[in-house]
């Protein structure tokens, strides 16, 4: 059995799948939204 993911581990990948580009994800991270 593999370990559970850490909090936020897949956030970037999920946001990319939803259409967010790297710049938008960075803005969200800097504003502590994610």
PDB file of N, CA and C in Angstrom:
ATOM      1  N   UNK A   1       0.840  -1.166   0.000  1.00  0.00           N
ATOM      2  CA  UNK A   1       0.000   0.000   0.000  1.00  0.00           C
ATOM      3  C   UNK A   1       0.893   1.240   0.000  1.00  0.00           C
ATOM      4  N   UNK A   2       0.567   2.191  -0.843  1.00  0.00           N
ATOM      5  CA  UNK A   2       1.377   3.409  -0.913  1.00  0.00           C
ATOM      6  C   UNK A   2       0.927   4.409   0.151  1.00  0.00           C
ATOM      7  N   UNK A   3       1.832   5.306   0.536  1.00  0.00           N
ATOM      8  CA  UNK A   3       1.481   6.293   1.561  1.00  0.00           C
ATOM      9  C   UNK A   3       0.450   7.298   1.031  1.00  0.00           C
ATOM     10  N   UNK A   4      -0.274   7.905   1.942  1.00  0.00           N
ATOM     11  CA  UNK A   4      -1.256   8.906   1.529  1.00  0.00           C
ATOM     12  C   UNK A   4      -0.534  10.160   1.051  1.00  0.00           C
ATOM     13  N   UNK A   5      -1.150  10.930   0.150  1.00  0.00           N
ATOM     14  CA  UNK A   5      -0.503  12.151  -0.328  1.00  0.00           C
ATOM     15  C   UNK A   5      -0.434  13.206   0.769  1.00  0.00           C
ATOM     16  N   UNK A   6       0.576  14.033   0.683  1.00  0.00           N
ATOM     17  CA  UNK A   6       0.715  15.155   1.617  1.00  0.00           C
ATOM     18  C   UNK A   6      -0.269  16.248   1.217  1.00  0.00           C
ATOM     19  N   UNK A   7      -0.624  17.085   2.163  1.00  0.00           N
ATOM     20  CA  UNK A   7      -1.548  18.182   1.887  1.00  0.00           C
ATOM     21  C   UNK A   7      -0.965  19.063   0.784  1.00  0.00           C
ATOM     22  N   UNK A   8      -1.726  19.279  -0.264  1.00  0.00           N
ATOM     23  CA  UNK A   8      -1.292  20.124  -1.372  1.00  0.00           C
ATOM     24  C   UNK A   8      -0.385  19.460  -2.385  1.00  0.00           C
ATOM     25  N   UNK A   9      -0.102  18.190  -2.203  1.00  0.00           N
ATOM     26  CA  UNK A   9       0.844  17.502  -3.081  1.00  0.00           C
ATOM     27  C   UNK A   9       0.405  17.524  -4.547  1.00  0.00           C
ATOM     28  N   UNK A  10      -0.871  17.427  -4.814  1.00  0.00           N
ATOM     29  CA  UNK A  10      -1.366  17.345  -6.189  1.00  0.00           C
ATOM     30  C   UNK A  10      -2.064  18.617  -6.660  1.00  0.00           C
ATOM     31  N   UNK A  11      -1.980  19.668  -5.876  1.00  0.00           N
ATOM     32  CA  UNK A  11      -2.705  20.899  -6.196  1.00  0.00           C
ATOM     33  C   UNK A  11      -2.329  21.446  -7.567  1.00  0.00           C
ATOM     34  N   UNK A  12      -1.043  21.548  -7.845  1.00  0.00           N
ATOM     35  CA  UNK A  12      -0.597  22.082  -9.133  1.00  0.00           C
ATOM     36  C   UNK A  12      -1.106  21.269 -10.300  1.00  0.00           C
ATOM     37  N   UNK A  13      -1.047  19.964 -10.185  1.00  0.00           N
ATOM     38  CA  UNK A  13      -1.505  19.082 -11.256  1.00  0.00           C
ATOM     39  C   UNK A  13      -3.013  19.231 -11.479  1.00  0.00           C
ATOM     40  N   UNK A  14      -3.762  19.285 -10.389  1.00  0.00           N
ATOM     41  CA  UNK A  14      -5.217  19.416 -10.498  1.00  0.00           C
ATOM     42  C   UNK A  14      -5.590  20.759 -11.123  1.00  0.00           C
ATOM     43  N   UNK A  15      -4.944  21.829 -10.679  1.00  0.00           N
ATOM     44  CA  UNK A  15      -5.237  23.139 -11.255  1.00  0.00           C
ATOM     45  C   UNK A  15      -4.881  23.177 -12.739  1.00  0.00           C
ATOM     46  N   UNK A  16      -3.797  22.530 -13.133  1.00  0.00           N
ATOM     47  CA  UNK A  16      -3.424  22.460 -14.548  1.00  0.00           C
ATOM     48  C   UNK A  16      -4.492  21.718 -15.343  1.00  0.00           C
ATOM     49  N   UNK A  17      -5.018  20.635 -14.789  1.00  0.00           N
ATOM     50  CA  UNK A  17      -6.083  19.888 -15.465  1.00  0.00           C
ATOM     51  C   UNK A  17      -7.342  20.734 -15.613  1.00  0.00           C
ATOM     52  N   UNK A  18      -7.541  21.669 -14.689  1.00  0.00           N
ATOM     53  CA  UNK A  18      -8.702  22.559 -14.748  1.00  0.00           C
ATOM     54  C   UNK A  18      -8.473  23.758 -15.669  1.00  0.00           C
ATOM     55  N   UNK A  19      -7.266  23.862 -16.242  1.00  0.00           N
ATOM     56  CA  UNK A  19      -6.986  24.907 -17.212  1.00  0.00           C
ATOM     57  C   UNK A  19      -6.157  26.070 -16.710  1.00  0.00           C
ATOM     58  N   UNK A  20      -5.711  26.021 -15.464  1.00  0.00           N
ATOM     59  CA  UNK A  20      -4.869  27.094 -14.934  1.00  0.00           C
ATOM     60  C   UNK A  20      -3.450  26.932 -15.470  1.00  0.00           C
ATOM     61  N   UNK A  21      -2.852  28.041 -15.903  1.00  0.00           N
ATOM     62  CA  UNK A  21      -1.462  27.959 -16.352  1.00  0.00           C
ATOM     63  C   UNK A  21      -0.530  28.187 -15.158  1.00  0.00           C
ATOM     64  N   UNK A  22       0.760  28.020 -15.383  1.00  0.00           N
ATOM     65  CA  UNK A  22       1.738  28.132 -14.293  1.00  0.00           C
ATOM     66  C   UNK A  22       1.690  29.494 -13.612  1.00  0.00           C
ATOM     67  N   UNK A  23       1.502  30.547 -14.390  1.00  0.00           N
ATOM     68  CA  UNK A  23       1.462  31.893 -13.814  1.00  0.00           C
ATOM     69  C   UNK A  23       0.262  32.055 -12.885  1.00  0.00           C
ATOM     70  N   UNK A  24      -0.884  31.535 -13.283  1.00  0.00           N
ATOM     71  CA  UNK A  24      -2.085  31.637 -12.447  1.00  0.00           C
ATOM     72  C   UNK A  24      -1.922  30.836 -11.161  1.00  0.00           C
ATOM     73  N   UNK A  25      -1.315  29.665 -11.261  1.00  0.00           N
ATOM     74  CA  UNK A  25      -1.084  28.844 -10.073  1.00  0.00           C
ATOM     75  C   UNK A  25      -0.135  29.567  -9.124  1.00  0.00           C
ATOM     76  N   UNK A  26       0.881  30.213  -9.664  1.00  0.00           N
ATOM     77  CA  UNK A  26       1.829  30.959  -8.827  1.00  0.00           C
ATOM     78  C   UNK A  26       1.131  32.099  -8.100  1.00  0.00           C
ATOM     79  N   UNK A  27       0.234  32.804  -8.773  1.00  0.00           N
ATOM     80  CA  UNK A  27      -0.528  33.882  -8.127  1.00  0.00           C
ATOM     81  C   UNK A  27      -1.345  33.316  -6.976  1.00  0.00           C
ATOM     82  N   UNK A  28      -1.993  32.189  -7.189  1.00  0.00           N
ATOM     83  CA  UNK A  28      -2.786  31.563  -6.131  1.00  0.00           C
ATOM     84  C   UNK A  28      -1.905  31.152  -4.958  1.00  0.00           C
ATOM     85  N   UNK A  29      -0.735  30.622  -5.253  1.00  0.00           N
ATOM     86  CA  UNK A  29       0.174  30.210  -4.176  1.00  0.00           C
ATOM     87  C   UNK A  29       0.688  31.412  -3.389  1.00  0.00           C
ATOM     88  N   UNK A  30       1.077  32.471  -4.093  1.00  0.00           N
ATOM     89  CA  UNK A  30       1.605  33.667  -3.409  1.00  0.00           C
ATOM     90  C   UNK A  30       0.552  34.344  -2.546  1.00  0.00           C
ATOM     91  N   UNK A  31      -0.707  34.236  -2.948  1.00  0.00           N
ATOM     92  CA  UNK A  31      -1.775  34.861  -2.163  1.00  0.00           C
ATOM     93  C   UNK A  31      -2.310  33.919  -1.089  1.00  0.00           C
ATOM     94  N   UNK A  32      -1.670  32.755  -0.971  1.00  0.00           N
ATOM     95  CA  UNK A  32      -2.037  31.741   0.025  1.00  0.00           C
ATOM     96  C   UNK A  32      -3.446  31.198  -0.179  1.00  0.00           C
ATOM     97  N   UNK A  33      -3.927  31.261  -1.425  1.00  0.00           N
ATOM     98  CA  UNK A  33      -5.244  30.703  -1.727  1.00  0.00           C
ATOM     99  C   UNK A  33      -5.171  29.185  -1.856  1.00  0.00           C
ATOM    100  N   UNK A  34      -4.006  28.694  -2.210  1.00  0.00           N
ATOM    101  CA  UNK A  34      -3.796  27.236  -2.296  1.00  0.00           C
ATOM    102  C   UNK A  34      -2.490  26.886  -1.618  1.00  0.00           C
TER     103      UNK A  34
END
